[in-house]
Every structure is written in structure tokens, then in C-alpha cells.
Amino acid sequence: MNADRPRFVHVLVASVGVGYLQGQLQYFQNMGFDVTVLCPKQRRVEWEVALPEGASFIEVPMEREIAPLQDFVSLWRLWRTMRALRPAVTNVGNPKPGLLGGLAAWLNRVPCRFYTLHGLRFETTKGLKRRLLIYAERVACRLAHRVICVSHSVREKVIACGLTSRERTVILGSGSCNGVDASRFAATPETIQRAAELRRQLGIPEQAPVLLFVGRLTRDKGIPELIEAFLRLESRFPQLRLLLVGCCEPEDPLPVHTRIHLETNPRLIFRGAVSDTVPYYVLADVLVLPSHREGLPTVVLEAQAAGTPVVGASATGITDVVADGETGLLFPVGDVHALTEAVGRVLSDKVLSARLGRAGQAQVRQKFRQEPIWEAFHQECLAVLQPSEEFGKALQGLSRSRPVERASADHLGKLLDY
């Protein structure tokens, strides 16, 4: 670390979130920032892969659910840590880091504060919890200079709910918080071989069709409906397998009958969390995302990058990346019958499956490349970091396409060393 370089601090609720910023942290380091990630440590494998050389990680315990005493302790630790780091830019995610991290950044008068809305958790809650979540989102938006919405549908929902103004919101490129490296997920001879080996390891017959789900195994993600649809499809596709990649969460437990099927059905394969999802996308015949709410689902973009057709619920965020009949198939949220029919249609119609796969792959390559999103984010940083004419002069010459020169980075660091 160099004390003269401006510091960019990311606050996350889980260390797995670092994986969703792969490439972006290195980009901002190349542009003249020192990067620091604040979040609960959890499993090292989840963040070590994505944390670039030179970036730092500081553990700050944080509960995902509402926990007043623990939240107060987390806020105090975030405030103290930021006071020591003196960042020039902070980016906090929702919901808990957005409120606690945003408040800590505001109390420390961080000159450039971003709040990234990865989705709206209150969409699937009711009563007092819903009101509390809405209030927390509204406060988090007020604490930020810019509210980054990861999709157009999230942006419209935020504005309709009165959480913030349209002028304060921004969408980076076509959406997403980081885009997708399409080349990483492409079906190459090497990834096809890895997928074949994975199929053998899992004991899946060569000709057996595979449905894939990647994400948290919760009610919010539509797992009960997915299991029910799979059971209905078994009679039509006797060799069908359902492959679930992700972890269960005690905060949103699955119904008892769903858990029983997870534990007893031999054609339902539960893999837990994995560090590399590439062979899973290549192996699958269909990615299914029956989620009740999303921000902009990275798993859909990754599957599309691999050329895998997608079936998704017509929920917030999913509709931004799945155009029904063009880049995938949509069904009404929670409709098991429609979900069953959509998946059965893709499995039965190979021409349709191939067409949806090609269209999804083209969409990712054209609209969701990572570099334009990083560049747009950098430009937003520079736009906010101009509190004076002197600072504006220091920013002159910073190019959208080339790293910050060391002299400029040093100058910025001194101006922000308040």
C-alpha cells in the first residue's frame, strides 16, 4: 500500500461477494487506487481467488439479518476502520452493508460514496420487516452520492417506491455490478472435457438431461417450486437430473417436504458451494432460476456466456437479461405448472434450445462485457471527486482507457489526505 494513493473501500456482507468483483478490483488498482475490502471473513477460498495482489482485506463481522446489538458493534467497527483508512471512495452493497457501511462512510465524510443496489430484499417480505427494510434502503440511498442500480427494472422499482430520485441513480453500461468475462465460461474443448469428467464424478449417465440451479437454496430463490417442477418432469424424462449448486440459509429455511426430497431423491444432486462453476454450466442442458426477486442475476449471464439456455421467473432483474422466446423463456413467479412446461419445452425442442443458447451468448458478448462497466464506474468516481477547481485540475488527463500515472495518483492522494 502507498499512503499517497487514494483508497477505494468496498463493504460487503459476505466474502463470497468478492468473487462478483473479479477483475474490477485489479482495474481500480491499475487506475491509481489502493483497494480494501471490508466484510466478514467466512471461508478464505471464497475471496482469495478474486482478491488481486496489493489489495487488502479487513475482517468486520456483520450479520445478514436484523440484529440490533450486533449491528451497533458492526457500525462502530466500520466507523473506526474507515477513520483509520481515510478512503476517497466507498462502495457499499445492500441491505446491511448499505446502511451500516454507508452510515460509517457518511460519519467519516468520505468525499465519494456509492451505494450499489444488487436487488430489493423487501420485495418478498411483509409487515414490520418489510417496513424496516424499506426504511433502511431509503436511508442508505440518502447517505450516498450515487445509487448504482444493477438493472433497469431495479431502478424503476426504486424510484416507484420513493427510495431515491432518478437523478441520483445510475446504471453502469447495460447493467450488472461487474459484467461477465464471456471467454471464461465459453464451451471450449478444455471446458467440455472438464464437464464430461464432472458428469462421471457425479454418476450422471451420458445421455441424461441435466437441469442446473446456481445460488442460495432458499424460498426466495424459488427452490420449493423448482423441486415440484422437477418431480413432475421425471415421468416425461426418466433419466432427468436436477443439479443444485449453492448453500442453504437458516434465515430462509426450505419447507420440510422440500428438504426431504433433497435428502432422499437419488436424481436430485446437491453439491453445495463450489469455487468454479464453469464445468457445471457447460454440463447443463438448462439453467433454471425460479427466483422471486433479483437485482441482475450474474448466474444467468454466466450460463448464457456458456451457451446454456435459461428458463427464469419474470421477476425484477431477470426480465432485464431474459427476453421471453429470444434469449430464454420466462414464466410467472411461483407458477409451478408454467415452470414445468417451460423447462419441458426446452428439453424437448433441441432447435429451440440451441437458438436460445446462441442468442443468450451473443447478448452477453455485446452488452455485458466487463471493461465498459469498469470504465463507467471509474468515470462516476471522477465526476463525484471534484469538490474544488484545484481538484478538478488534478483530475485532468485521467483517461478512460489508460491507468493513472503515478504522479497523478500521488497528487490525488495528497489532496484527499484529509
Protein backbone atom coordinates (compact mmCIF):
# COMPACT_ATOMS: atom_id res chain seq x y z
CA MET A 1 0.00 0.00 0.00
CA ASN A 2 1.06 3.57 -0.69
CA ALA A 3 -0.18 6.27 1.66
CA ASP A 4 -0.18 8.81 -1.18
CA ARG A 5 -2.63 6.89 -3.35
CA PRO A 6 -6.40 7.44 -2.89
CA ARG A 7 -8.10 4.45 -1.30
CA PHE A 8 -11.20 2.68 -2.61
CA VAL A 9 -13.07 0.71 0.07
CA HIS A 10 -15.71 -1.94 -0.69
CA VAL A 11 -18.04 -3.06 2.11
CA LEU A 12 -19.65 -6.48 1.60
CA VAL A 13 -21.93 -8.62 3.77
CA ALA A 14 -20.19 -11.85 2.72
CA SER A 15 -16.71 -12.62 1.46
CA VAL A 16 -18.20 -14.57 -1.44
CA GLY A 17 -19.16 -11.16 -2.84
CA VAL A 18 -15.52 -10.54 -3.73
CA GLY A 19 -15.94 -13.16 -6.45
CA TYR A 20 -18.57 -10.99 -8.12
CA LEU A 21 -16.00 -8.17 -8.35
CA GLN A 22 -13.37 -10.29 -10.06
CA GLY A 23 -11.26 -8.11 -12.33
CA GLN A 24 -12.81 -4.85 -11.10
CA LEU A 25 -10.61 -4.57 -8.03
CA GLN A 26 -7.48 -5.01 -10.14
CA TYR A 27 -8.79 -2.44 -12.63
CA PHE A 28 -9.14 0.24 -9.96
CA GLN A 29 -5.71 -0.56 -8.61
CA ASN A 30 -4.34 -0.03 -12.10
CA MET A 31 -6.19 3.28 -12.28
CA GLY A 32 -4.28 4.59 -9.27
CA PHE A 33 -6.35 3.49 -6.26
CA ASP A 34 -5.42 1.31 -3.32
CA VAL A 35 -8.27 -1.18 -2.82
CA THR A 36 -9.51 -2.51 0.52
CA VAL A 37 -12.39 -4.94 1.15
CA LEU A 38 -14.29 -4.89 4.45
CA CYS A 39 -16.54 -7.86 5.22
CA PRO A 40 -16.95 -10.97 7.37
CA LYS A 41 -14.12 -13.36 6.60
CA GLN A 42 -16.01 -16.65 6.31
CA ARG A 43 -14.20 -19.12 4.06
CA ARG A 44 -10.86 -17.97 2.67
CA VAL A 45 -11.35 -19.84 -0.61
CA GLU A 46 -14.21 -17.51 -1.49
CA TRP A 47 -12.15 -14.34 -1.54
CA GLU A 48 -8.51 -15.31 -2.00
CA VAL A 49 -9.06 -16.21 -5.66
CA ALA A 50 -10.53 -12.83 -6.58
CA LEU A 51 -8.51 -10.52 -4.31
CA PRO A 52 -5.74 -9.08 -6.51
CA GLU A 53 -2.16 -8.68 -5.42
CA GLY A 54 -1.75 -5.46 -3.48
CA ALA A 55 -5.40 -5.27 -2.37
CA SER A 56 -6.12 -5.69 1.34
CA PHE A 57 -8.83 -7.48 3.29
CA ILE A 58 -10.07 -6.42 6.75
CA GLU A 59 -12.50 -8.61 8.66
CA VAL A 60 -15.53 -6.77 10.03
CA PRO A 61 -18.20 -9.10 11.48
CA MET A 62 -21.65 -8.34 10.13
CA GLU A 63 -24.96 -10.17 10.45
CA ARG A 64 -27.10 -10.63 7.34
CA GLU A 65 -30.36 -10.41 9.28
CA ILE A 66 -31.58 -7.60 11.58
CA ALA A 67 -29.67 -7.87 14.90
CA PRO A 68 -29.65 -4.51 16.78
CA LEU A 69 -26.81 -5.19 19.24
CA GLN A 70 -24.52 -6.88 16.68
CA ASP A 71 -25.38 -4.19 14.13
CA PHE A 72 -24.31 -1.44 16.53
CA VAL A 73 -20.99 -3.21 17.11
CA SER A 74 -20.53 -3.63 13.35
CA LEU A 75 -21.24 0.07 12.79
CA TRP A 76 -18.68 1.08 15.41
CA ARG A 77 -16.04 -1.20 13.85
CA LEU A 78 -16.79 0.09 10.35
CA TRP A 79 -16.56 3.69 11.55
CA ARG A 80 -13.28 3.06 13.34
CA THR A 81 -11.80 1.19 10.38
CA MET A 82 -12.78 3.86 7.86
CA ARG A 83 -11.46 6.57 10.16
CA ALA A 84 -8.08 4.82 10.07
CA LEU A 85 -8.16 4.11 6.32
CA ARG A 86 -9.47 7.57 5.26
CA PRO A 87 -10.86 6.34 1.91
CA ALA A 88 -11.50 8.62 -1.04
CA VAL A 89 -14.25 6.33 -2.38
CA THR A 90 -16.56 3.81 -0.72
CA ASN A 91 -18.91 1.36 -2.39
CA VAL A 92 -21.40 -0.42 -0.14
CA GLY A 93 -23.91 -3.10 -1.12
CA ASN A 94 -27.39 -3.76 0.16
CA PRO A 95 -29.05 -4.20 2.51
CA LYS A 96 -26.91 -4.40 5.69
CA PRO A 97 -23.61 -3.01 4.31
CA GLY A 98 -25.58 -0.26 2.60
CA LEU A 99 -26.97 1.05 5.88
CA LEU A 100 -24.06 0.38 8.24
CA GLY A 101 -21.24 0.93 5.74
CA GLY A 102 -22.99 3.93 4.25
CA LEU A 103 -23.52 5.50 7.67
CA ALA A 104 -19.89 4.87 8.66
CA ALA A 105 -18.71 6.48 5.40
CA TRP A 106 -21.03 9.46 5.91
CA LEU A 107 -19.86 9.96 9.50
CA ASN A 108 -16.27 9.97 8.23
CA ARG A 109 -17.21 12.42 5.47
CA VAL A 110 -15.85 10.20 2.70
CA PRO A 111 -15.84 12.50 -0.36
CA CYS A 112 -17.24 9.92 -2.81
CA ARG A 113 -19.88 7.46 -1.57
CA PHE A 114 -21.63 4.85 -3.72
CA TYR A 115 -24.50 2.57 -2.77
CA THR A 116 -24.94 -0.42 -5.09
CA LEU A 117 -28.44 -1.88 -5.14
CA HIS A 118 -28.00 -5.56 -6.01
CA GLY A 119 -31.71 -6.16 -5.53
CA LEU A 120 -34.60 -5.22 -3.26
CA ARG A 121 -34.93 -7.62 -0.38
CA PHE A 122 -38.19 -6.09 0.83
CA GLU A 123 -39.97 -7.31 -2.31
CA THR A 124 -40.51 -10.73 -0.73
CA THR A 125 -41.18 -9.64 2.88
CA LYS A 126 -44.29 -8.45 4.71
CA GLY A 127 -45.36 -6.49 7.75
CA LEU A 128 -42.88 -4.84 10.10
CA LYS A 129 -39.84 -6.45 8.47
CA ARG A 130 -40.81 -5.02 5.10
CA ARG A 131 -41.26 -1.53 6.55
CA LEU A 132 -37.89 -1.73 8.30
CA LEU A 133 -36.13 -2.87 5.12
CA ILE A 134 -37.73 -0.08 3.07
CA TYR A 135 -36.68 2.47 5.67
CA ALA A 136 -33.14 1.09 5.71
CA GLU A 137 -32.93 1.27 1.91
CA ARG A 138 -34.20 4.85 1.91
CA VAL A 139 -31.62 5.94 4.49
CA ALA A 140 -28.82 4.12 2.65
CA CYS A 141 -29.76 5.92 -0.57
CA ARG A 142 -29.76 9.29 1.22
CA LEU A 143 -26.27 8.66 2.60
CA ALA A 144 -24.78 8.06 -0.87
CA HIS A 145 -23.75 10.50 -3.58
CA ARG A 146 -24.78 7.98 -6.25
CA VAL A 147 -27.05 4.93 -6.12
CA ILE A 148 -25.86 2.31 -8.60
CA CYS A 149 -28.76 0.15 -9.80
CA VAL A 150 -27.64 -3.13 -11.35
CA SER A 151 -30.62 -3.24 -13.73
CA HIS A 152 -33.27 -1.02 -15.27
CA SER A 153 -36.10 -2.87 -13.52
CA VAL A 154 -34.43 -2.34 -10.13
CA ARG A 155 -34.02 1.35 -10.95
CA GLU A 156 -37.69 1.76 -11.84
CA LYS A 157 -38.80 -0.12 -8.71
CA VAL A 158 -36.55 2.03 -6.52
CA ILE A 159 -37.98 5.23 -7.96
CA ALA A 160 -41.59 3.96 -7.82
CA CYS A 161 -41.13 3.09 -4.12
CA GLY A 162 -39.79 6.57 -3.38
CA LEU A 163 -36.41 5.37 -2.14
CA THR A 164 -34.47 7.97 -4.12
CA SER A 165 -34.71 10.27 -7.13
CA ARG A 166 -33.97 9.31 -10.70
CA GLU A 167 -31.20 11.94 -10.82
CA ARG A 168 -29.27 10.21 -8.04
CA THR A 169 -29.42 6.76 -9.65
CA VAL A 170 -27.03 5.42 -12.26
CA ILE A 171 -26.75 2.22 -14.31
CA LEU A 172 -23.26 1.18 -15.37
CA GLY A 173 -23.32 0.24 -19.05
CA SER A 174 -26.24 -2.10 -19.77
CA GLY A 175 -26.43 -3.13 -16.13
CA SER A 176 -24.76 -5.54 -13.67
CA CYS A 177 -22.25 -4.64 -10.99
CA ASN A 178 -19.30 -6.18 -12.81
CA GLY A 179 -20.30 -7.75 -16.12
CA VAL A 180 -19.05 -11.17 -17.21
CA ASP A 181 -15.83 -12.44 -18.75
CA ALA A 182 -17.53 -14.40 -21.54
CA SER A 183 -14.32 -16.17 -22.55
CA ARG A 184 -14.05 -17.77 -19.12
CA PHE A 185 -17.41 -19.56 -19.49
CA ALA A 186 -17.24 -20.44 -23.18
CA ALA A 187 -17.61 -24.11 -24.14
CA THR A 188 -14.06 -24.86 -25.29
CA PRO A 189 -12.52 -28.33 -25.74
CA GLU A 190 -10.94 -27.94 -22.29
CA THR A 191 -14.17 -26.94 -20.50
CA ILE A 192 -16.13 -29.64 -22.37
CA GLN A 193 -13.62 -32.22 -21.13
CA ARG A 194 -13.94 -30.89 -17.58
CA ALA A 195 -17.73 -31.08 -17.84
CA ALA A 196 -17.53 -34.70 -19.05
CA GLU A 197 -15.29 -35.58 -16.11
CA LEU A 198 -17.70 -33.85 -13.74
CA ARG A 199 -20.59 -35.86 -15.19
CA ARG A 200 -18.68 -39.07 -14.49
CA GLN A 201 -17.84 -37.97 -10.96
CA LEU A 202 -21.50 -37.25 -10.24
CA GLY A 203 -22.62 -40.56 -11.72
CA ILE A 204 -24.86 -38.92 -14.32
CA PRO A 205 -25.47 -41.13 -17.41
CA GLU A 206 -24.05 -39.70 -20.62
CA GLN A 207 -27.44 -39.14 -22.25
CA ALA A 208 -29.29 -37.93 -19.14
CA PRO A 209 -30.56 -34.32 -19.40
CA VAL A 210 -29.48 -32.03 -16.56
CA LEU A 211 -31.28 -29.08 -15.01
CA LEU A 212 -28.96 -26.71 -13.16
CA PHE A 213 -29.61 -24.23 -10.36
CA VAL A 214 -26.81 -22.00 -9.01
CA GLY A 215 -27.44 -19.79 -6.00
CA ARG A 216 -28.73 -19.74 -2.44
CA LEU A 217 -31.13 -22.59 -1.69
CA THR A 218 -33.95 -20.56 -0.14
CA ARG A 219 -37.66 -19.91 -0.57
CA ASP A 220 -36.81 -16.53 -2.09
CA LYS A 221 -34.93 -18.31 -4.86
CA GLY A 222 -37.96 -20.46 -5.69
CA ILE A 223 -36.40 -23.79 -4.65
CA PRO A 224 -39.74 -25.32 -3.49
CA GLU A 225 -41.28 -24.62 -6.92
CA LEU A 226 -38.19 -25.95 -8.69
CA ILE A 227 -38.30 -29.24 -6.78
CA GLU A 228 -42.02 -29.62 -7.51
CA ALA A 229 -41.48 -28.95 -11.22
CA PHE A 230 -38.63 -31.49 -11.29
CA LEU A 231 -40.86 -34.16 -9.74
CA ARG A 232 -43.50 -33.51 -12.42
CA LEU A 233 -40.90 -33.71 -15.19
CA GLU A 234 -39.47 -37.04 -14.03
CA SER A 235 -42.30 -39.00 -15.67
CA ARG A 236 -41.65 -37.31 -19.04
CA PHE A 237 -37.85 -37.53 -18.83
CA PRO A 238 -36.98 -40.71 -16.88
CA GLN A 239 -33.22 -40.00 -16.78
CA LEU A 240 -33.58 -36.34 -15.82
CA ARG A 241 -31.24 -34.98 -13.13
CA LEU A 242 -31.51 -31.78 -11.09
CA LEU A 243 -28.13 -30.38 -10.05
CA LEU A 244 -28.19 -27.80 -7.23
CA VAL A 245 -25.08 -25.69 -6.61
CA GLY A 246 -25.18 -23.42 -3.57
CA CYS A 247 -25.82 -23.34 0.17
CA CYS A 248 -28.93 -23.41 2.33
CA GLU A 249 -29.52 -20.46 4.66
CA PRO A 250 -31.01 -20.80 8.15
CA GLU A 251 -32.56 -17.31 7.82
CA ASP A 252 -34.81 -18.54 5.00
CA PRO A 253 -35.22 -22.31 5.55
CA LEU A 254 -36.80 -24.58 2.97
CA PRO A 255 -40.10 -26.36 3.74
CA VAL A 256 -39.79 -29.79 5.34
CA HIS A 257 -41.11 -31.67 2.30
CA THR A 258 -38.59 -29.87 0.06
CA ARG A 259 -35.70 -30.82 2.36
CA ILE A 260 -36.89 -34.45 2.37
CA HIS A 261 -36.66 -34.60 -1.43
CA LEU A 262 -33.21 -33.01 -1.29
CA GLU A 263 -32.04 -35.75 1.05
CA THR A 264 -33.78 -38.79 -0.44
CA ASN A 265 -34.24 -38.38 -4.21
CA PRO A 266 -31.25 -40.06 -5.94
CA ARG A 267 -31.75 -37.98 -9.12
CA LEU A 268 -31.56 -34.74 -7.21
CA ILE A 269 -27.87 -33.87 -6.74
CA PHE A 270 -26.92 -31.31 -4.11
CA ARG A 271 -23.32 -30.10 -4.49
CA GLY A 272 -23.16 -27.22 -2.02
CA ALA A 273 -20.90 -24.25 -2.75
CA VAL A 274 -18.18 -24.69 -5.37
CA SER A 275 -15.25 -22.45 -6.25
CA ASP A 276 -15.53 -22.96 -10.03
CA THR A 277 -18.95 -23.12 -11.70
CA VAL A 278 -17.70 -23.22 -15.31
CA PRO A 279 -17.98 -27.02 -15.87
CA TYR A 280 -21.45 -27.01 -14.31
CA TYR A 281 -22.77 -24.52 -16.88
CA VAL A 282 -21.18 -26.49 -19.73
CA LEU A 283 -22.59 -29.74 -18.36
CA ALA A 284 -26.17 -28.46 -18.02
CA ASP A 285 -28.92 -28.63 -20.62
CA VAL A 286 -30.89 -25.83 -18.95
CA LEU A 287 -30.20 -23.28 -16.22
CA VAL A 288 -33.35 -22.68 -14.18
CA LEU A 289 -33.78 -19.58 -12.00
CA PRO A 290 -37.25 -19.52 -10.38
CA SER A 291 -36.29 -16.66 -8.05
CA HIS A 292 -38.98 -14.34 -6.68
CA ARG A 293 -36.65 -11.33 -6.85
CA GLU A 294 -33.24 -10.47 -8.25
CA GLY A 295 -31.08 -7.46 -8.98
CA LEU A 296 -29.46 -8.60 -12.18
CA PRO A 297 -28.63 -12.32 -11.88
CA THR A 298 -24.99 -12.98 -12.68
CA VAL A 299 -25.69 -16.71 -12.89
CA VAL A 300 -27.94 -16.08 -15.90
CA LEU A 301 -25.20 -14.11 -17.66
CA GLU A 302 -22.67 -16.83 -16.88
CA ALA A 303 -24.94 -19.57 -18.22
CA GLN A 304 -25.65 -17.53 -21.34
CA ALA A 305 -21.91 -16.97 -21.82
CA ALA A 306 -21.54 -20.76 -21.82
CA GLY A 307 -24.30 -21.07 -24.45
CA THR A 308 -26.68 -22.77 -21.99
CA PRO A 309 -30.38 -21.92 -22.45
CA VAL A 310 -32.10 -20.25 -19.50
CA VAL A 311 -35.58 -20.57 -18.00
CA GLY A 312 -36.36 -17.87 -15.44
CA ALA A 313 -39.20 -16.35 -13.46
CA SER A 314 -40.48 -13.00 -14.69
CA ALA A 315 -39.15 -11.27 -11.57
CA THR A 316 -37.31 -7.99 -11.08
CA GLY A 317 -33.83 -8.26 -12.58
CA ILE A 318 -34.44 -11.48 -14.52
CA THR A 319 -36.56 -9.73 -17.12
CA ASP A 320 -33.59 -7.47 -17.90
CA VAL A 321 -31.49 -10.38 -19.20
CA VAL A 322 -34.11 -12.90 -20.35
CA ALA A 323 -36.36 -11.80 -23.22
CA ASP A 324 -39.08 -14.45 -23.47
CA GLY A 325 -38.64 -16.57 -26.58
CA GLU A 326 -35.48 -14.74 -27.59
CA THR A 327 -32.70 -15.09 -25.01
CA GLY A 328 -34.55 -17.57 -22.80
CA LEU A 329 -38.01 -18.48 -21.56
CA LEU A 330 -39.94 -16.72 -18.80
CA PHE A 331 -42.77 -17.93 -16.58
CA PRO A 332 -44.88 -16.15 -13.91
CA VAL A 333 -43.28 -16.04 -10.47
CA GLY A 334 -44.34 -19.00 -8.35
CA ASP A 335 -46.26 -20.77 -11.15
CA VAL A 336 -45.13 -24.41 -10.94
CA HIS A 337 -47.18 -25.50 -13.94
CA ALA A 338 -45.73 -22.78 -16.19
CA LEU A 339 -42.23 -23.55 -14.93
CA THR A 340 -42.71 -27.24 -15.71
CA GLU A 341 -43.97 -26.51 -19.21
CA ALA A 342 -41.15 -24.07 -19.99
CA VAL A 343 -38.42 -26.49 -18.91
CA GLY A 344 -40.10 -29.37 -20.73
CA ARG A 345 -40.29 -27.28 -23.87
CA VAL A 346 -36.56 -26.55 -23.86
CA LEU A 347 -35.66 -30.18 -23.14
CA SER A 348 -37.92 -31.48 -25.92
CA ASP A 349 -37.06 -28.93 -28.62
CA LYS A 350 -33.35 -29.08 -29.47
CA VAL A 351 -33.70 -26.41 -32.15
CA LEU A 352 -35.25 -24.00 -29.66
CA SER A 353 -32.62 -24.88 -27.07
CA ALA A 354 -29.76 -24.16 -29.47
CA ARG A 355 -31.34 -20.90 -30.65
CA LEU A 356 -31.85 -19.61 -27.10
CA GLY A 357 -28.28 -20.59 -26.20
CA ARG A 358 -26.79 -18.72 -29.16
CA ALA A 359 -28.91 -15.61 -28.56
CA GLY A 360 -28.00 -15.50 -24.87
CA GLN A 361 -24.31 -15.88 -25.67
CA ALA A 362 -24.46 -13.05 -28.21
CA GLN A 363 -26.23 -10.82 -25.68
CA VAL A 364 -23.51 -11.27 -23.05
CA ARG A 365 -20.73 -10.56 -25.54
CA GLN A 366 -22.44 -7.46 -26.88
CA LYS A 367 -23.94 -5.87 -23.76
CA PHE A 368 -22.30 -7.21 -20.62
CA ARG A 369 -18.56 -7.06 -21.19
CA GLN A 370 -16.65 -6.12 -18.06
CA GLU A 371 -14.37 -3.35 -19.32
CA PRO A 372 -17.13 -0.86 -20.28
CA ILE A 373 -18.75 -1.33 -16.85
CA TRP A 374 -15.45 -0.71 -15.05
CA GLU A 375 -14.78 2.36 -17.18
CA ALA A 376 -18.26 3.75 -16.49
CA PHE A 377 -17.75 3.23 -12.76
CA HIS A 378 -14.38 4.99 -12.90
CA GLN A 379 -15.91 7.96 -14.68
CA GLU A 380 -18.62 8.20 -11.99
CA CYS A 381 -15.88 8.28 -9.35
CA LEU A 382 -14.09 11.11 -11.13
CA ALA A 383 -17.35 13.01 -11.60
CA VAL A 384 -18.04 12.98 -7.84
CA LEU A 385 -14.44 13.60 -6.78
CA GLN A 386 -14.37 17.24 -7.92
CA PRO A 387 -15.14 19.38 -4.85
CA SER A 388 -12.91 22.23 -5.98
CA GLU A 389 -11.29 23.77 -9.00
CA GLU A 390 -7.90 22.59 -7.78
CA PHE A 391 -9.14 19.02 -7.52
CA GLY A 392 -10.68 19.29 -10.98
CA LYS A 393 -7.29 20.23 -12.41
CA ALA A 394 -5.75 17.21 -10.72
CA LEU A 395 -8.26 15.00 -12.49
CA GLN A 396 -7.48 16.38 -15.92
CA GLY A 397 -5.64 13.92 -18.09
CA LEU A 398 -7.04 10.84 -16.40
CA SER A 399 -8.07 8.75 -19.38
CA ARG A 400 -10.97 6.32 -19.58
CA SER A 401 -8.70 3.81 -21.27
CA ARG A 402 -5.32 4.07 -19.56
CA PRO A 403 -4.15 3.68 -15.95
CA VAL A 404 -3.49 6.72 -13.78
CA GLU A 405 0.14 7.77 -13.94
CA ARG A 406 1.94 7.59 -10.62
CA ALA A 407 2.44 11.34 -10.32
CA SER A 408 -1.28 11.94 -10.77
CA ALA A 409 -2.13 9.25 -8.24
CA ASP A 410 0.23 10.83 -5.71
CA HIS A 411 -1.31 14.25 -6.29
CA LEU A 412 -4.81 12.86 -5.79
CA GLY A 413 -3.74 11.08 -2.63
CA LYS A 414 -2.36 14.29 -1.11
CA LEU A 415 -5.49 16.25 -1.97
CA LEU A 416 -7.67 13.56 -0.35
CA ASP A 417 -5.46 13.10 2.72
CA TYR A 418 -7.80 15.00 4.99
